[in-house]
C-alpha cells in the first residue's frame, strides 16, 4: 500500500529529526541517498525545516514561513 503525501512527509520529517540527533552524536546519516556528516548540521536542519513546512501545508492547506538558522 502506497503512502499518502502527508504520510510520506511525516516519514521524511522523522528521518531528518533522527539525523539531527545522530549528527549531534557525531555520526553520519544517509537519507534518500544523501549522506550528511556531523559537521554539516545546517544541511540537516534545512531539510527538516522543508519537511516541517510540507507537513504543515498538507495539514493546514497553506505554507508556513521559517526564519533562517545559522550555525557557526
N, C-alpha and C. Protein backbone atom coordinates (compact mmCIF):
# COMPACT_ATOMS: atom_id res chain seq x y z
N UNK A 1 0.85 -1.18 0.00
CA UNK A 1 0.00 0.00 0.00
C UNK A 1 0.89 1.24 0.00
N UNK A 2 0.63 2.15 -0.89
CA UNK A 2 1.42 3.38 -1.02
C UNK A 2 1.04 4.38 0.07
N UNK A 3 2.02 5.19 0.43
CA UNK A 3 1.79 6.24 1.42
C UNK A 3 1.09 7.43 0.76
N UNK A 4 0.30 8.13 1.54
CA UNK A 4 -0.24 9.40 1.07
C UNK A 4 0.86 10.43 1.12
N UNK A 5 0.64 11.58 0.51
CA UNK A 5 1.64 12.65 0.56
C UNK A 5 1.93 13.06 2.00
N UNK A 6 0.89 13.14 2.81
CA UNK A 6 1.07 13.53 4.21
C UNK A 6 1.85 12.48 4.97
N UNK A 7 1.54 11.21 4.78
CA UNK A 7 2.28 10.15 5.46
C UNK A 7 3.76 10.17 5.07
N UNK A 8 4.02 10.37 3.78
CA UNK A 8 5.41 10.42 3.32
C UNK A 8 6.13 11.63 3.91
N UNK A 9 5.46 12.78 3.94
CA UNK A 9 6.07 13.99 4.50
C UNK A 9 6.39 13.79 5.98
N UNK A 10 5.47 13.16 6.71
CA UNK A 10 5.72 12.89 8.13
C UNK A 10 6.88 11.91 8.31
N UNK A 11 6.94 10.90 7.44
CA UNK A 11 8.04 9.93 7.48
C UNK A 11 9.38 10.63 7.24
N UNK A 12 9.44 11.47 6.21
CA UNK A 12 10.69 12.18 5.91
C UNK A 12 11.06 13.15 7.02
N UNK A 13 10.08 13.81 7.60
CA UNK A 13 10.35 14.70 8.73
C UNK A 13 10.98 13.94 9.88
N UNK A 14 10.47 12.76 10.17
CA UNK A 14 11.04 11.94 11.25
C UNK A 14 12.47 11.52 10.91
N UNK A 15 12.73 11.21 9.65
CA UNK A 15 14.09 10.85 9.23
C UNK A 15 15.06 12.00 9.48
N UNK A 16 14.65 13.22 9.16
CA UNK A 16 15.51 14.38 9.39
C UNK A 16 15.68 14.68 10.87
N UNK A 17 14.65 14.48 11.66
CA UNK A 17 14.79 14.67 13.11
C UNK A 17 15.81 13.68 13.69
N UNK A 18 15.72 12.42 13.23
CA UNK A 18 16.68 11.42 13.70
C UNK A 18 18.09 11.76 13.22
N UNK A 19 18.21 12.32 12.03
CA UNK A 19 19.52 12.71 11.51
C UNK A 19 20.13 13.83 12.35
N UNK A 20 19.31 14.77 12.81
CA UNK A 20 19.83 15.84 13.68
C UNK A 20 20.40 15.26 14.96
N UNK A 21 19.70 14.31 15.55
CA UNK A 21 20.17 13.68 16.78
C UNK A 21 21.48 12.93 16.51
N UNK A 22 21.54 12.20 15.40
CA UNK A 22 22.75 11.46 15.05
C UNK A 22 23.92 12.40 14.82
N UNK A 23 23.66 13.53 14.15
CA UNK A 23 24.73 14.50 13.89
C UNK A 23 25.29 15.05 15.19
N UNK A 24 24.41 15.30 16.15
CA UNK A 24 24.87 15.78 17.45
C UNK A 24 25.73 14.75 18.16
N UNK A 25 25.51 13.47 17.85
CA UNK A 25 26.30 12.40 18.44
C UNK A 25 27.56 12.10 17.62
N UNK A 26 27.78 12.88 16.56
CA UNK A 26 28.99 12.71 15.76
C UNK A 26 28.91 11.62 14.70
N UNK A 27 27.72 11.20 14.35
CA UNK A 27 27.54 10.13 13.36
C UNK A 27 27.14 10.72 12.01
N UNK A 28 27.41 9.97 10.94
CA UNK A 28 26.91 10.37 9.63
C UNK A 28 25.62 9.60 9.37
N UNK A 29 24.76 10.18 8.54
CA UNK A 29 23.45 9.60 8.28
C UNK A 29 23.15 9.73 6.79
N UNK A 30 22.48 8.72 6.21
CA UNK A 30 22.05 8.78 4.82
C UNK A 30 20.54 8.78 4.77
N UNK A 31 19.98 9.78 4.08
CA UNK A 31 18.53 9.91 3.91
C UNK A 31 18.26 10.06 2.42
N UNK A 32 17.47 9.17 1.89
CA UNK A 32 17.08 9.21 0.47
C UNK A 32 18.29 9.38 -0.44
N UNK A 33 19.36 8.66 -0.12
CA UNK A 33 20.55 8.68 -0.96
C UNK A 33 21.53 9.81 -0.68
N UNK A 34 21.18 10.74 0.18
CA UNK A 34 22.08 11.85 0.55
C UNK A 34 22.74 11.52 1.88
N UNK A 35 24.05 11.65 1.94
CA UNK A 35 24.77 11.40 3.18
C UNK A 35 25.09 12.74 3.84
N UNK A 36 24.72 12.83 5.11
CA UNK A 36 25.01 14.02 5.92
C UNK A 36 26.03 13.63 6.96
N UNK A 37 27.00 14.50 7.17
CA UNK A 37 28.02 14.23 8.18
C UNK A 37 27.85 15.18 9.35
N UNK A 38 28.40 14.79 10.47
CA UNK A 38 28.12 15.51 11.71
C UNK A 38 28.54 16.97 11.69
N UNK A 39 29.48 17.34 10.82
CA UNK A 39 29.88 18.75 10.83
C UNK A 39 29.10 19.58 9.81
N UNK A 40 27.95 19.08 9.36
CA UNK A 40 27.09 19.83 8.44
C UNK A 40 25.65 19.89 8.97
N UNK A 41 25.47 20.39 10.20
CA UNK A 41 24.12 20.40 10.77
C UNK A 41 23.18 21.35 10.03
N UNK A 42 23.71 22.37 9.37
CA UNK A 42 22.85 23.32 8.66
C UNK A 42 22.09 22.63 7.53
N UNK A 43 22.72 21.70 6.83
CA UNK A 43 22.06 20.98 5.74
C UNK A 43 20.94 20.10 6.29
N UNK A 44 21.18 19.48 7.43
CA UNK A 44 20.15 18.63 8.04
C UNK A 44 18.99 19.49 8.52
N UNK A 45 19.30 20.60 9.16
CA UNK A 45 18.27 21.50 9.65
C UNK A 45 17.44 22.06 8.50
N UNK A 46 18.10 22.41 7.41
CA UNK A 46 17.39 22.93 6.24
C UNK A 46 16.40 21.88 5.72
N UNK A 47 16.83 20.65 5.62
CA UNK A 47 15.94 19.59 5.17
C UNK A 47 14.78 19.38 6.12
N UNK A 48 15.06 19.41 7.42
CA UNK A 48 13.98 19.24 8.41
C UNK A 48 12.96 20.36 8.29
N UNK A 49 13.43 21.59 8.14
CA UNK A 49 12.51 22.72 8.01
C UNK A 49 11.65 22.60 6.76
N UNK A 50 12.23 22.13 5.67
CA UNK A 50 11.46 21.94 4.44
C UNK A 50 10.35 20.90 4.64
N UNK A 51 10.66 19.80 5.34
CA UNK A 51 9.65 18.77 5.57
C UNK A 51 8.63 19.23 6.60
N UNK A 52 9.04 20.02 7.60
CA UNK A 52 8.07 20.58 8.55
C UNK A 52 7.07 21.46 7.80
N UNK A 53 7.60 22.26 6.87
CA UNK A 53 6.72 23.15 6.09
C UNK A 53 5.76 22.33 5.22
N UNK A 54 6.25 21.25 4.62
CA UNK A 54 5.40 20.42 3.78
C UNK A 54 4.30 19.76 4.62
N UNK A 55 4.65 19.22 5.79
CA UNK A 55 3.64 18.60 6.66
C UNK A 55 2.60 19.65 7.05
N UNK A 56 3.07 20.84 7.43
CA UNK A 56 2.15 21.90 7.83
C UNK A 56 1.20 22.27 6.69
N UNK A 57 1.76 22.44 5.49
CA UNK A 57 0.91 22.86 4.37
C UNK A 57 -0.08 21.76 3.99
N UNK A 58 0.33 20.49 4.12
CA UNK A 58 -0.60 19.39 3.81
C UNK A 58 -1.71 19.26 4.86
N UNK A 59 -1.43 19.63 6.10
CA UNK A 59 -2.44 19.51 7.14
C UNK A 59 -3.28 20.78 7.30
N UNK A 60 -2.73 21.92 6.90
CA UNK A 60 -3.44 23.19 7.08
C UNK A 60 -3.81 23.87 5.76
N UNK A 61 -3.33 23.34 4.66
CA UNK A 61 -3.69 23.91 3.37
C UNK A 61 -3.00 25.21 3.02
N UNK A 62 -1.93 25.53 3.69
CA UNK A 62 -1.18 26.74 3.35
C UNK A 62 0.25 26.58 3.82
N UNK A 63 1.09 27.46 3.38
CA UNK A 63 2.51 27.39 3.73
C UNK A 63 2.82 27.97 5.09
N UNK A 64 3.96 27.62 5.60
CA UNK A 64 4.45 28.12 6.88
C UNK A 64 5.81 28.73 6.64
N UNK A 65 6.05 29.88 7.14
CA UNK A 65 7.32 30.58 6.92
C UNK A 65 8.24 30.36 8.12
N UNK A 66 9.50 30.13 7.83
CA UNK A 66 10.52 29.96 8.87
C UNK A 66 11.60 31.01 8.68
N UNK A 67 12.21 31.43 9.78
CA UNK A 67 13.38 32.28 9.72
C UNK A 67 14.61 31.45 9.40
N UNK A 68 15.69 32.10 9.11
CA UNK A 68 16.93 31.39 8.80
C UNK A 68 17.69 31.05 10.09
N UNK A 69 18.35 29.92 10.08
CA UNK A 69 19.15 29.46 11.21
C UNK A 69 20.60 29.44 10.76
N UNK A 70 21.50 29.93 11.60
CA UNK A 70 22.91 29.94 11.24
C UNK A 70 23.71 29.22 12.31
N UNK A 71 24.52 28.25 11.87
CA UNK A 71 25.42 27.53 12.75
C UNK A 71 26.83 27.99 12.46
N UNK A 72 27.51 28.48 13.45
CA UNK A 72 28.89 28.93 13.24
C UNK A 72 29.81 28.28 14.22
